[in-house]
């Protein structure tokens, strides 16, 4: 994986921060890194911050992190992704779990993530 990923377990969730220039396949690898952090910590709520991930030069593709998280996780869980709206894909509205939402501000993401 081309990204640098750091994880930290907070009281009720796992915080994952990624940075660097993404390449094809990095979204899936990041999703598996998030899943591994959850398995180690026994948590089902995740805050994934990809604000410092940048696209390749001359690339206008989206970073497909929401799609990859939906593929990797089984319900129930909640994932709050902090990113620039035009940079990543939108989560699918499947009407059920897993619950993934995208936010621009960390405070909004944490409030949604920790809501009952």
PDB file of N, CA and C in Angstrom:
ATOM      1  N   UNK A   1       0.850  -1.167   0.000  1.00  0.00           N
ATOM      2  CA  UNK A   1       0.000   0.000   0.000  1.00  0.00           C
ATOM      3  C   UNK A   1       0.890   1.222   0.000  1.00  0.00           C
ATOM      4  N   UNK A   2       0.469   2.200  -0.724  1.00  0.00           N
ATOM      5  CA  UNK A   2       1.226   3.434  -0.859  1.00  0.00           C
ATOM      6  C   UNK A   2       0.918   4.424   0.259  1.00  0.00           C
ATOM      7  N   UNK A   3      -0.153   4.210   1.003  1.00  0.00           N
ATOM      8  CA  UNK A   3      -0.576   5.143   2.045  1.00  0.00           C
ATOM      9  C   UNK A   3       0.082   4.831   3.379  1.00  0.00           C
ATOM     10  N   UNK A   4       0.220   5.875   4.189  1.00  0.00           N
ATOM     11  CA  UNK A   4       0.679   5.694   5.565  1.00  0.00           C
ATOM     12  C   UNK A   4      -0.563   5.710   6.433  1.00  0.00           C
ATOM     13  N   UNK A   5      -0.743   4.657   7.231  1.00  0.00           N
ATOM     14  CA  UNK A   5      -1.960   4.506   8.018  1.00  0.00           C
ATOM     15  C   UNK A   5      -1.597   4.404   9.492  1.00  0.00           C
ATOM     16  N   UNK A   6      -2.321   5.180  10.307  1.00  0.00           N
ATOM     17  CA  UNK A   6      -2.150   5.130  11.760  1.00  0.00           C
ATOM     18  C   UNK A   6      -3.499   4.834  12.379  1.00  0.00           C
ATOM     19  N   UNK A   7      -3.509   3.962  13.393  1.00  0.00           N
ATOM     20  CA  UNK A   7      -4.753   3.643  14.094  1.00  0.00           C
ATOM     21  C   UNK A   7      -4.583   3.915  15.573  1.00  0.00           C
ATOM     22  N   UNK A   8      -5.695   4.286  16.182  1.00  0.00           N
ATOM     23  CA  UNK A   8      -5.713   4.533  17.623  1.00  0.00           C
ATOM     24  C   UNK A   8      -7.088   4.131  18.141  1.00  0.00           C
ATOM     25  N   UNK A   9      -7.101   3.456  19.278  1.00  0.00           N
ATOM     26  CA  UNK A   9      -8.359   3.053  19.892  1.00  0.00           C
ATOM     27  C   UNK A   9      -8.766   4.112  20.903  1.00  0.00           C
ATOM     28  N   UNK A  10      -9.914   4.742  20.667  1.00  0.00           N
ATOM     29  CA  UNK A  10     -10.473   5.676  21.621  1.00  0.00           C
ATOM     30  C   UNK A  10     -11.464   4.913  22.498  1.00  0.00           C
ATOM     31  N   UNK A  11     -12.129   5.601  23.379  1.00  0.00           N
ATOM     32  CA  UNK A  11     -13.030   4.955  24.337  1.00  0.00           C
ATOM     33  C   UNK A  11     -14.097   4.102  23.657  1.00  0.00           C
ATOM     34  N   UNK A  12     -14.744   4.632  22.622  1.00  0.00           N
ATOM     35  CA  UNK A  12     -15.867   3.922  22.010  1.00  0.00           C
ATOM     36  C   UNK A  12     -15.670   3.577  20.540  1.00  0.00           C
ATOM     37  N   UNK A  13     -14.564   4.010  19.943  1.00  0.00           N
ATOM     38  CA  UNK A  13     -14.367   3.761  18.527  1.00  0.00           C
ATOM     39  C   UNK A  13     -12.880   3.637  18.195  1.00  0.00           C
ATOM     40  N   UNK A  14     -12.633   3.217  16.975  1.00  0.00           N
ATOM     41  CA  UNK A  14     -11.271   3.136  16.452  1.00  0.00           C
ATOM     42  C   UNK A  14     -11.090   4.302  15.481  1.00  0.00           C
ATOM     43  N   UNK A  15     -10.005   5.031  15.656  1.00  0.00           N
ATOM     44  CA  UNK A  15      -9.684   6.151  14.769  1.00  0.00           C
ATOM     45  C   UNK A  15      -8.592   5.692  13.804  1.00  0.00           C
ATOM     46  N   UNK A  16      -8.827   5.889  12.525  1.00  0.00           N
ATOM     47  CA  UNK A  16      -7.874   5.512  11.488  1.00  0.00           C
ATOM     48  C   UNK A  16      -7.574   6.755  10.664  1.00  0.00           C
ATOM     49  N   UNK A  17      -6.291   7.084  10.538  1.00  0.00           N
ATOM     50  CA  UNK A  17      -5.864   8.226   9.732  1.00  0.00           C
ATOM     51  C   UNK A  17      -4.948   7.723   8.625  1.00  0.00           C
ATOM     52  N   UNK A  18      -5.216   8.184   7.413  1.00  0.00           N
ATOM     53  CA  UNK A  18      -4.392   7.784   6.267  1.00  0.00           C
ATOM     54  C   UNK A  18      -3.883   9.039   5.579  1.00  0.00           C
ATOM     55  N   UNK A  19      -2.676   8.932   5.027  1.00  0.00           N
ATOM     56  CA  UNK A  19      -2.126  10.049   4.273  1.00  0.00           C
ATOM     57  C   UNK A  19      -1.213   9.532   3.179  1.00  0.00           C
ATOM     58  N   UNK A  20      -1.020  10.361   2.178  1.00  0.00           N
ATOM     59  CA  UNK A  20      -0.158  10.017   1.059  1.00  0.00           C
ATOM     60  C   UNK A  20      -0.915  10.036  -0.253  1.00  0.00           C
ATOM     61  N   UNK A  21      -0.225   9.719  -1.321  1.00  0.00           N
ATOM     62  CA  UNK A  21      -0.825   9.675  -2.648  1.00  0.00           C
ATOM     63  C   UNK A  21      -1.329   8.261  -2.898  1.00  0.00           C
ATOM     64  N   UNK A  22      -2.640   8.142  -3.171  1.00  0.00           N
ATOM     65  CA  UNK A  22      -3.182   6.807  -3.352  1.00  0.00           C
ATOM     66  C   UNK A  22      -2.938   6.284  -4.753  1.00  0.00           C
ATOM     67  N   UNK A  23      -2.818   4.977  -4.814  1.00  0.00           N
ATOM     68  CA  UNK A  23      -2.684   4.265  -6.077  1.00  0.00           C
ATOM     69  C   UNK A  23      -3.804   3.240  -6.153  1.00  0.00           C
ATOM     70  N   UNK A  24      -3.994   2.696  -7.336  1.00  0.00           N
ATOM     71  CA  UNK A  24      -5.039   1.687  -7.533  1.00  0.00           C
ATOM     72  C   UNK A  24      -4.853   0.556  -6.525  1.00  0.00           C
ATOM     73  N   UNK A  25      -5.924   0.182  -5.850  1.00  0.00           N
ATOM     74  CA  UNK A  25      -5.884  -0.900  -4.870  1.00  0.00           C
ATOM     75  C   UNK A  25      -5.711  -0.438  -3.435  1.00  0.00           C
ATOM     76  N   UNK A  26      -5.332   0.813  -3.227  1.00  0.00           N
ATOM     77  CA  UNK A  26      -5.104   1.301  -1.865  1.00  0.00           C
ATOM     78  C   UNK A  26      -6.392   1.403  -1.048  1.00  0.00           C
ATOM     79  N   UNK A  27      -7.526   1.679  -1.686  1.00  0.00           N
ATOM     80  CA  UNK A  27      -8.785   1.785  -0.939  1.00  0.00           C
ATOM     81  C   UNK A  27      -9.151   0.440  -0.315  1.00  0.00           C
ATOM     82  N   UNK A  28      -8.988  -0.633  -1.053  1.00  0.00           N
ATOM     83  CA  UNK A  28      -9.294  -1.955  -0.512  1.00  0.00           C
ATOM     84  C   UNK A  28      -8.311  -2.331   0.592  1.00  0.00           C
ATOM     85  N   UNK A  29      -7.049  -2.036   0.394  1.00  0.00           N
ATOM     86  CA  UNK A  29      -6.056  -2.323   1.431  1.00  0.00           C
ATOM     87  C   UNK A  29      -6.324  -1.513   2.690  1.00  0.00           C
ATOM     88  N   UNK A  30      -6.744  -0.263   2.524  1.00  0.00           N
ATOM     89  CA  UNK A  30      -7.097   0.558   3.684  1.00  0.00           C
ATOM     90  C   UNK A  30      -8.321  -0.011   4.389  1.00  0.00           C
ATOM     91  N   UNK A  31      -9.303  -0.467   3.643  1.00  0.00           N
ATOM     92  CA  UNK A  31     -10.499  -1.068   4.251  1.00  0.00           C
ATOM     93  C   UNK A  31     -10.130  -2.299   5.081  1.00  0.00           C
ATOM     94  N   UNK A  32      -9.233  -3.123   4.574  1.00  0.00           N
ATOM     95  CA  UNK A  32      -8.786  -4.288   5.345  1.00  0.00           C
ATOM     96  C   UNK A  32      -7.976  -3.875   6.574  1.00  0.00           C
ATOM     97  N   UNK A  33      -7.224  -2.785   6.485  1.00  0.00           N
ATOM     98  CA  UNK A  33      -6.496  -2.281   7.654  1.00  0.00           C
ATOM     99  C   UNK A  33      -7.475  -1.805   8.727  1.00  0.00           C
ATOM    100  N   UNK A  34      -8.559  -1.163   8.312  1.00  0.00           N
ATOM    101  CA  UNK A  34      -9.600  -0.724   9.248  1.00  0.00           C
ATOM    102  C   UNK A  34     -10.247  -1.937   9.906  1.00  0.00           C
ATOM    103  N   UNK A  35     -10.547  -2.942   9.115  1.00  0.00           N
ATOM    104  CA  UNK A  35     -11.162  -4.162   9.656  1.00  0.00           C
ATOM    105  C   UNK A  35     -10.234  -4.846  10.657  1.00  0.00           C
ATOM    106  N   UNK A  36      -8.959  -4.931  10.337  1.00  0.00           N
ATOM    107  CA  UNK A  36      -7.992  -5.554  11.246  1.00  0.00           C
ATOM    108  C   UNK A  36      -7.902  -4.787  12.564  1.00  0.00           C
ATOM    109  N   UNK A  37      -7.920  -3.463  12.491  1.00  0.00           N
ATOM    110  CA  UNK A  37      -7.887  -2.645  13.712  1.00  0.00           C
ATOM    111  C   UNK A  37      -9.133  -2.894  14.550  1.00  0.00           C
ATOM    112  N   UNK A  38     -10.264  -3.064  13.904  1.00  0.00           N
ATOM    113  CA  UNK A  38     -11.501  -3.361  14.625  1.00  0.00           C
ATOM    114  C   UNK A  38     -11.474  -4.725  15.289  1.00  0.00           C
ATOM    115  N   UNK A  39     -10.921  -5.709  14.605  1.00  0.00           N
ATOM    116  CA  UNK A  39     -10.823  -7.045  15.184  1.00  0.00           C
ATOM    117  C   UNK A  39      -9.890  -7.064  16.387  1.00  0.00           C
ATOM    118  N   UNK A  40      -8.788  -6.329  16.293  1.00  0.00           N
ATOM    119  CA  UNK A  40      -7.854  -6.267  17.415  1.00  0.00           C
ATOM    120  C   UNK A  40      -8.473  -5.583  18.629  1.00  0.00           C
ATOM    121  N   UNK A  41      -9.287  -4.566  18.387  1.00  0.00           N
ATOM    122  CA  UNK A  41      -9.817  -3.760  19.489  1.00  0.00           C
ATOM    123  C   UNK A  41     -11.214  -4.176  19.919  1.00  0.00           C
ATOM    124  N   UNK A  42     -11.857  -5.064  19.168  1.00  0.00           N
ATOM    125  CA  UNK A  42     -13.222  -5.515  19.479  1.00  0.00           C
ATOM    126  C   UNK A  42     -14.217  -4.358  19.425  1.00  0.00           C
ATOM    127  N   UNK A  43     -14.037  -3.429  18.501  1.00  0.00           N
ATOM    128  CA  UNK A  43     -14.936  -2.277  18.341  1.00  0.00           C
ATOM    129  C   UNK A  43     -15.723  -2.417  17.037  1.00  0.00           C
ATOM    130  N   UNK A  44     -16.884  -1.753  16.983  1.00  0.00           N
ATOM    131  CA  UNK A  44     -17.693  -1.778  15.770  1.00  0.00           C
ATOM    132  C   UNK A  44     -18.027  -0.370  15.271  1.00  0.00           C
ATOM    133  N   UNK A  45     -17.285   0.628  15.772  1.00  0.00           N
ATOM    134  CA  UNK A  45     -17.451   2.007  15.323  1.00  0.00           C
ATOM    135  C   UNK A  45     -16.085   2.551  14.922  1.00  0.00           C
ATOM    136  N   UNK A  46     -16.053   3.187  13.738  1.00  0.00           N
ATOM    137  CA  UNK A  46     -14.783   3.614  13.170  1.00  0.00           C
ATOM    138  C   UNK A  46     -14.866   5.041  12.661  1.00  0.00           C
ATOM    139  N   UNK A  47     -13.823   5.790  12.911  1.00  0.00           N
ATOM    140  CA  UNK A  47     -13.658   7.134  12.366  1.00  0.00           C
ATOM    141  C   UNK A  47     -12.469   7.056  11.414  1.00  0.00           C
ATOM    142  N   UNK A  48     -12.724   7.197  10.126  1.00  0.00           N
ATOM    143  CA  UNK A  48     -11.687   7.064   9.106  1.00  0.00           C
ATOM    144  C   UNK A  48     -11.436   8.435   8.502  1.00  0.00           C
ATOM    145  N   UNK A  49     -10.252   8.966   8.722  1.00  0.00           N
ATOM    146  CA  UNK A  49      -9.897  10.301   8.251  1.00  0.00           C
ATOM    147  C   UNK A  49      -8.978  10.170   7.041  1.00  0.00           C
ATOM    148  N   UNK A  50      -9.482  10.547   5.875  1.00  0.00           N
ATOM    149  CA  UNK A  50      -8.692  10.471   4.643  1.00  0.00           C
ATOM    150  C   UNK A  50      -8.494  11.866   4.032  1.00  0.00           C
ATOM    151  N   UNK A  51      -8.547  12.893   4.864  1.00  0.00           N
ATOM    152  CA  UNK A  51      -8.377  14.263   4.367  1.00  0.00           C
ATOM    153  C   UNK A  51      -6.969  14.505   3.835  1.00  0.00           C
ATOM    154  N   UNK A  52      -5.980  13.732   4.285  1.00  0.00           N
ATOM    155  CA  UNK A  52      -4.601  13.941   3.826  1.00  0.00           C
ATOM    156  C   UNK A  52      -4.187  12.964   2.733  1.00  0.00           C
ATOM    157  N   UNK A  53      -5.154  12.240   2.196  1.00  0.00           N
ATOM    158  CA  UNK A  53      -4.890  11.375   1.052  1.00  0.00           C
ATOM    159  C   UNK A  53      -5.125  12.217  -0.199  1.00  0.00           C
ATOM    160  N   UNK A  54      -4.185  12.146  -1.120  1.00  0.00           N
ATOM    161  CA  UNK A  54      -4.309  12.954  -2.337  1.00  0.00           C
ATOM    162  C   UNK A  54      -4.345  12.054  -3.563  1.00  0.00           C
ATOM    163  N   UNK A  55      -4.981  12.555  -4.621  1.00  0.00           N
ATOM    164  CA  UNK A  55      -5.084  11.770  -5.840  1.00  0.00           C
ATOM    165  C   UNK A  55      -3.807  11.821  -6.644  1.00  0.00           C
ATOM    166  N   UNK A  56      -3.632  10.829  -7.475  1.00  0.00           N
ATOM    167  CA  UNK A  56      -2.460  10.832  -8.344  1.00  0.00           C
ATOM    168  C   UNK A  56      -2.518  12.014  -9.313  1.00  0.00           C
ATOM    169  N   UNK A  57      -1.365  12.489  -9.768  1.00  0.00           N
ATOM    170  CA  UNK A  57      -1.395  13.576 -10.748  1.00  0.00           C
ATOM    171  C   UNK A  57      -2.081  13.096 -12.032  1.00  0.00           C
ATOM    172  N   UNK A  58      -2.780  13.984 -12.660  1.00  0.00           N
ATOM    173  CA  UNK A  58      -3.492  13.682 -13.916  1.00  0.00           C
ATOM    174  C   UNK A  58      -4.563  12.627 -13.711  1.00  0.00           C
ATOM    175  N   UNK A  59      -5.004  12.439 -12.478  1.00  0.00           N
ATOM    176  CA  UNK A  59      -6.071  11.479 -12.224  1.00  0.00           C
ATOM    177  C   UNK A  59      -7.300  12.188 -11.708  1.00  0.00           C
ATOM    178  N   UNK A  60      -8.443  11.862 -12.282  1.00  0.00           N
ATOM    179  CA  UNK A  60      -9.674  12.471 -11.809  1.00  0.00           C
ATOM    180  C   UNK A  60     -10.627  11.412 -11.257  1.00  0.00           C
ATOM    181  N   UNK A  61     -10.077  10.242 -10.948  1.00  0.00           N
ATOM    182  CA  UNK A  61     -10.885   9.173 -10.378  1.00  0.00           C
ATOM    183  C   UNK A  61     -11.145   9.452  -8.910  1.00  0.00           C
ATOM    184  N   UNK A  62     -12.190   8.817  -8.395  1.00  0.00           N
ATOM    185  CA  UNK A  62     -12.509   8.955  -6.976  1.00  0.00           C
ATOM    186  C   UNK A  62     -11.849   7.825  -6.193  1.00  0.00           C
ATOM    187  N   UNK A  63     -11.521   8.129  -4.948  1.00  0.00           N
ATOM    188  CA  UNK A  63     -10.968   7.146  -4.013  1.00  0.00           C
ATOM    189  C   UNK A  63     -12.165   6.352  -3.488  1.00  0.00           C
ATOM    190  N   UNK A  64     -12.281   5.081  -3.826  1.00  0.00           N
ATOM    191  CA  UNK A  64     -13.480   4.275  -3.579  1.00  0.00           C
ATOM    192  C   UNK A  64     -13.515   3.655  -2.184  1.00  0.00           C
ATOM    193  N   UNK A  65     -13.247   4.445  -1.161  1.00  0.00           N
ATOM    194  CA  UNK A  65     -13.172   3.902   0.191  1.00  0.00           C
ATOM    195  C   UNK A  65     -14.534   3.432   0.706  1.00  0.00           C
ATOM    196  N   UNK A  66     -15.605   4.135   0.414  1.00  0.00           N
ATOM    197  CA  UNK A  66     -16.922   3.722   0.923  1.00  0.00           C
ATOM    198  C   UNK A  66     -17.323   2.366   0.341  1.00  0.00           C
ATOM    199  N   UNK A  67     -17.144   2.196  -0.966  1.00  0.00           N
ATOM    200  CA  UNK A  67     -17.446   0.915  -1.601  1.00  0.00           C
ATOM    201  C   UNK A  67     -16.615  -0.211  -1.011  1.00  0.00           C
ATOM    202  N   UNK A  68     -15.334   0.049  -0.794  1.00  0.00           N
ATOM    203  CA  UNK A  68     -14.454  -1.000  -0.264  1.00  0.00           C
ATOM    204  C   UNK A  68     -14.786  -1.341   1.189  1.00  0.00           C
ATOM    205  N   UNK A  69     -15.156  -0.339   1.990  1.00  0.00           N
ATOM    206  CA  UNK A  69     -15.565  -0.617   3.378  1.00  0.00           C
ATOM    207  C   UNK A  69     -16.838  -1.455   3.398  1.00  0.00           C
ATOM    208  N   UNK A  70     -17.777  -1.170   2.492  1.00  0.00           N
ATOM    209  CA  UNK A  70     -19.014  -1.951   2.419  1.00  0.00           C
ATOM    210  C   UNK A  70     -18.727  -3.398   2.021  1.00  0.00           C
ATOM    211  N   UNK A  71     -17.728  -3.608   1.197  1.00  0.00           N
ATOM    212  CA  UNK A  71     -17.366  -4.968   0.783  1.00  0.00           C
ATOM    213  C   UNK A  71     -16.701  -5.758   1.904  1.00  0.00           C
ATOM    214  N   UNK A  72     -15.908  -5.076   2.720  1.00  0.00           N
ATOM    215  CA  UNK A  72     -15.084  -5.748   3.719  1.00  0.00           C
ATOM    216  C   UNK A  72     -15.841  -6.059   5.008  1.00  0.00           C
ATOM    217  N   UNK A  73     -16.758  -5.199   5.399  1.00  0.00           N
ATOM    218  CA  UNK A  73     -17.417  -5.338   6.701  1.00  0.00           C
ATOM    219  C   UNK A  73     -18.755  -6.038   6.611  1.00  0.00           C
ATOM    220  N   UNK A  74     -19.072  -6.752   7.677  1.00  0.00           N
ATOM    221  CA  UNK A  74     -20.401  -7.325   7.860  1.00  0.00           C
ATOM    222  C   UNK A  74     -21.087  -6.541   8.974  1.00  0.00           C
ATOM    223  N   UNK A  75     -22.403  -6.435   8.942  1.00  0.00           N
ATOM    224  CA  UNK A  75     -23.108  -5.668   9.973  1.00  0.00           C
ATOM    225  C   UNK A  75     -22.994  -6.332  11.335  1.00  0.00           C
ATOM    226  N   UNK A  76     -23.249  -5.654  12.399  1.00  0.00           N
ATOM    227  CA  UNK A  76     -23.549  -4.222  12.493  1.00  0.00           C
ATOM    228  C   UNK A  76     -22.283  -3.430  12.741  1.00  0.00           C
ATOM    229  N   UNK A  77     -22.210  -2.272  12.194  1.00  0.00           N
ATOM    230  CA  UNK A  77     -21.101  -1.371  12.445  1.00  0.00           C
ATOM    231  C   UNK A  77     -21.486   0.020  11.975  1.00  0.00           C
ATOM    232  N   UNK A  78     -20.693   0.997  12.391  1.00  0.00           N
ATOM    233  CA  UNK A  78     -20.854   2.385  11.933  1.00  0.00           C
ATOM    234  C   UNK A  78     -19.480   2.901  11.563  1.00  0.00           C
ATOM    235  N   UNK A  79     -19.398   3.513  10.396  1.00  0.00           N
ATOM    236  CA  UNK A  79     -18.143   4.089   9.926  1.00  0.00           C
ATOM    237  C   UNK A  79     -18.402   5.532   9.509  1.00  0.00           C
ATOM    238  N   UNK A  80     -17.687   6.453  10.126  1.00  0.00           N
ATOM    239  CA  UNK A  80     -17.734   7.861   9.733  1.00  0.00           C
ATOM    240  C   UNK A  80     -16.448   8.166   8.988  1.00  0.00           C
ATOM    241  N   UNK A  81     -16.585   8.589   7.747  1.00  0.00           N
ATOM    242  CA  UNK A  81     -15.433   8.916   6.917  1.00  0.00           C
ATOM    243  C   UNK A  81     -15.344  10.440   6.825  1.00  0.00           C
ATOM    244  N   UNK A  82     -14.173  10.975   7.137  1.00  0.00           N
ATOM    245  CA  UNK A  82     -13.941  12.410   7.014  1.00  0.00           C
ATOM    246  C   UNK A  82     -13.113  12.624   5.752  1.00  0.00           C
ATOM    247  N   UNK A  83     -13.682  13.365   4.799  1.00  0.00           N
ATOM    248  CA  UNK A  83     -13.007  13.572   3.515  1.00  0.00           C
ATOM    249  C   UNK A  83     -13.609  14.766   2.803  1.00  0.00           C
ATOM    250  N   UNK A  84     -12.966  15.146   1.727  1.00  0.00           N
ATOM    251  CA  UNK A  84     -13.512  16.164   0.836  1.00  0.00           C
ATOM    252  C   UNK A  84     -14.556  15.481  -0.038  1.00  0.00           C
ATOM    253  N   UNK A  85     -15.720  16.083  -0.188  1.00  0.00           N
ATOM    254  CA  UNK A  85     -16.834  15.461  -0.899  1.00  0.00           C
ATOM    255  C   UNK A  85     -16.503  14.999  -2.310  1.00  0.00           C
ATOM    256  N   UNK A  86     -15.762  15.790  -3.042  1.00  0.00           N
ATOM    257  CA  UNK A  86     -15.497  15.452  -4.434  1.00  0.00           C
ATOM    258  C   UNK A  86     -14.353  14.452  -4.610  1.00  0.00           C
ATOM    259  N   UNK A  87     -13.720  14.066  -3.539  1.00  0.00           N
ATOM    260  CA  UNK A  87     -12.548  13.199  -3.602  1.00  0.00           C
ATOM    261  C   UNK A  87     -12.905  11.713  -3.523  1.00  0.00           C
ATOM    262  N   UNK A  88     -13.933  11.374  -2.738  1.00  0.00           N
ATOM    263  CA  UNK A  88     -14.263   9.964  -2.529  1.00  0.00           C
ATOM    264  C   UNK A  88     -15.638   9.646  -3.083  1.00  0.00           C
ATOM    265  N   UNK A  89     -15.937   8.358  -3.135  1.00  0.00           N
ATOM    266  CA  UNK A  89     -17.247   7.909  -3.578  1.00  0.00           C
ATOM    267  C   UNK A  89     -18.273   8.090  -2.466  1.00  0.00           C
ATOM    268  N   UNK A  90     -19.525   8.083  -2.817  1.00  0.00           N
ATOM    269  CA  UNK A  90     -20.597   8.200  -1.824  1.00  0.00           C
ATOM    270  C   UNK A  90     -20.980   6.807  -1.343  1.00  0.00           C
ATOM    271  N   UNK A  91     -21.365   6.683  -0.067  1.00  0.00           N
ATOM    272  CA  UNK A  91     -21.809   5.371   0.425  1.00  0.00           C
ATOM    273  C   UNK A  91     -23.116   4.962  -0.243  1.00  0.00           C
ATOM    274  N   UNK A  92     -23.300   3.665  -0.392  1.00  0.00           N
ATOM    275  CA  UNK A  92     -24.532   3.135  -0.960  1.00  0.00           C
ATOM    276  C   UNK A  92     -25.647   3.210   0.071  1.00  0.00           C
ATOM    277  N   UNK A  93     -26.837   3.507  -0.362  1.00  0.00           N
ATOM    278  CA  UNK A  93     -27.987   3.532   0.535  1.00  0.00           C
ATOM    279  C   UNK A  93     -28.698   2.191   0.421  1.00  0.00           C
ATOM    280  N   UNK A  94     -28.231   1.229   1.194  1.00  0.00           N
ATOM    281  CA  UNK A  94     -28.790  -0.113   1.120  1.00  0.00           C
ATOM    282  C   UNK A  94     -29.985  -0.291   2.043  1.00  0.00           C
ATOM    283  N   UNK A  95     -30.279   0.701   2.855  1.00  0.00           N
ATOM    284  CA  UNK A  95     -31.410   0.607   3.757  1.00  0.00           C
ATOM    285  C   UNK A  95     -31.117  -0.201   5.005  1.00  0.00           C
ATOM    286  N   UNK A  96     -29.948  -0.728   5.125  1.00  0.00           N
ATOM    287  CA  UNK A  96     -29.583  -1.524   6.291  1.00  0.00           C
ATOM    288  C   UNK A  96     -28.141  -1.278   6.658  1.00  0.00           C
ATOM    289  N   UNK A  97     -27.549  -2.235   7.320  1.00  0.00           N
ATOM    290  CA  UNK A  97     -26.162  -2.114   7.732  1.00  0.00           C
ATOM    291  C   UNK A  97     -25.273  -2.594   6.598  1.00  0.00           C
ATOM    292  N   UNK A  98     -24.033  -2.257   6.524  1.00  0.00           N
ATOM    293  CA  UNK A  98     -23.293  -1.381   7.412  1.00  0.00           C
ATOM    294  C   UNK A  98     -23.652   0.083   7.192  1.00  0.00           C
ATOM    295  N   UNK A  99     -23.543   0.867   8.215  1.00  0.00           N
ATOM    296  CA  UNK A  99     -23.849   2.296   8.145  1.00  0.00           C
ATOM    297  C   UNK A  99     -22.555   3.057   7.936  1.00  0.00           C
ATOM    298  N   UNK A 100     -22.452   3.692   6.790  1.00  0.00           N
ATOM    299  CA  UNK A 100     -21.273   4.486   6.447  1.00  0.00           C
ATOM    300  C   UNK A 100     -21.759   5.869   6.036  1.00  0.00           C
ATOM    301  N   UNK A 101     -21.136   6.891   6.597  1.00  0.00           N
ATOM    302  CA  UNK A 101     -21.493   8.269   6.257  1.00  0.00           C
ATOM    303  C   UNK A 101     -20.229   9.070   6.042  1.00  0.00           C
ATOM    304  N   UNK A 102     -20.319  10.070   5.169  1.00  0.00           N
ATOM    305  CA  UNK A 102     -19.181  10.921   4.836  1.00  0.00           C
ATOM    306  C   UNK A 102     -19.427  12.320   5.396  1.00  0.00           C
ATOM    307  N   UNK A 103     -18.395  12.880   6.021  1.00  0.00           N
ATOM    308  CA  UNK A 103     -18.477  14.197   6.642  1.00  0.00           C
ATOM    309  C   UNK A 103     -17.283  15.041   6.222  1.00  0.00           C
ATOM    310  N   UNK A 104     -17.473  16.367   6.269  1.00  0.00           N
ATOM    311  CA  UNK A 104     -16.373  17.305   6.018  1.00  0.00           C
ATOM    312  C   UNK A 104     -15.688  17.702   7.309  1.00  0.00           C
ATOM    313  N   UNK A 105     -16.431  17.713   8.420  1.00  0.00           N
ATOM    314  CA  UNK A 105     -15.908  18.169   9.709  1.00  0.00           C
ATOM    315  C   UNK A 105     -15.835  17.002  10.694  1.00  0.00           C
ATOM    316  N   UNK A 106     -14.753  16.977  11.447  1.00  0.00           N
ATOM    317  CA  UNK A 106     -14.554  15.889  12.407  1.00  0.00           C
ATOM    318  C   UNK A 106     -15.605  15.893  13.506  1.00  0.00           C
ATOM    319  N   UNK A 107     -15.984  17.055  13.987  1.00  0.00           N
ATOM    320  CA  UNK A 107     -16.965  17.128  15.071  1.00  0.00           C
ATOM    321  C   UNK A 107     -18.293  16.503  14.652  1.00  0.00           C
ATOM    322  N   UNK A 108     -18.749  16.790  13.422  1.00  0.00           N
ATOM    323  CA  UNK A 108     -19.984  16.204  12.930  1.00  0.00           C
ATOM    324  C   UNK A 108     -19.858  14.690  12.816  1.00  0.00           C
ATOM    325  N   UNK A 109     -18.719  14.222  12.347  1.00  0.00           N
ATOM    326  CA  UNK A 109     -18.487  12.786  12.200  1.00  0.00           C
ATOM    327  C   UNK A 109     -18.527  12.079  13.559  1.00  0.00           C
ATOM    328  N   UNK A 110     -17.866  12.638  14.552  1.00  0.00           N
ATOM    329  CA  UNK A 110     -17.838  12.016  15.878  1.00  0.00           C
ATOM    330  C   UNK A 110     -19.236  12.022  16.500  1.00  0.00           C
ATOM    331  N   UNK A 111     -19.965  13.125  16.361  1.00  0.00           N
ATOM    332  CA  UNK A 111     -21.320  13.187  16.908  1.00  0.00           C
ATOM    333  C   UNK A 111     -22.219  12.127  16.285  1.00  0.00           C
ATOM    334  N   UNK A 112     -22.152  11.938  14.966  1.00  0.00           N
ATOM    335  CA  UNK A 112     -22.933  10.907  14.309  1.00  0.00           C
ATOM    336  C   UNK A 112     -22.492   9.507  14.728  1.00  0.00           C
ATOM    337  N   UNK A 113     -21.195   9.333  14.809  1.00  0.00           N
ATOM    338  CA  UNK A 113     -20.642   8.023  15.131  1.00  0.00           C
ATOM    339  C   UNK A 113     -21.042   7.553  16.514  1.00  0.00           C
ATOM    340  N   UNK A 114     -21.058   8.446  17.470  1.00  0.00           N
ATOM    341  CA  UNK A 114     -21.323   8.067  18.866  1.00  0.00           C
ATOM    342  C   UNK A 114     -22.790   8.212  19.260  1.00  0.00           C
ATOM    343  N   UNK A 115     -23.641   8.628  18.323  1.00  0.00           N
ATOM    344  CA  UNK A 115     -25.073   8.712  18.623  1.00  0.00           C
ATOM    345  C   UNK A 115     -25.631   7.303  18.843  1.00  0.00           C
ATOM    346  N   UNK A 116     -26.613   7.173  19.738  1.00  0.00           N
ATOM    347  CA  UNK A 116     -27.169   5.831  20.014  1.00  0.00           C
ATOM    348  C   UNK A 116     -27.885   5.214  18.845  1.00  0.00           C
TER     349      UNK A 116
END
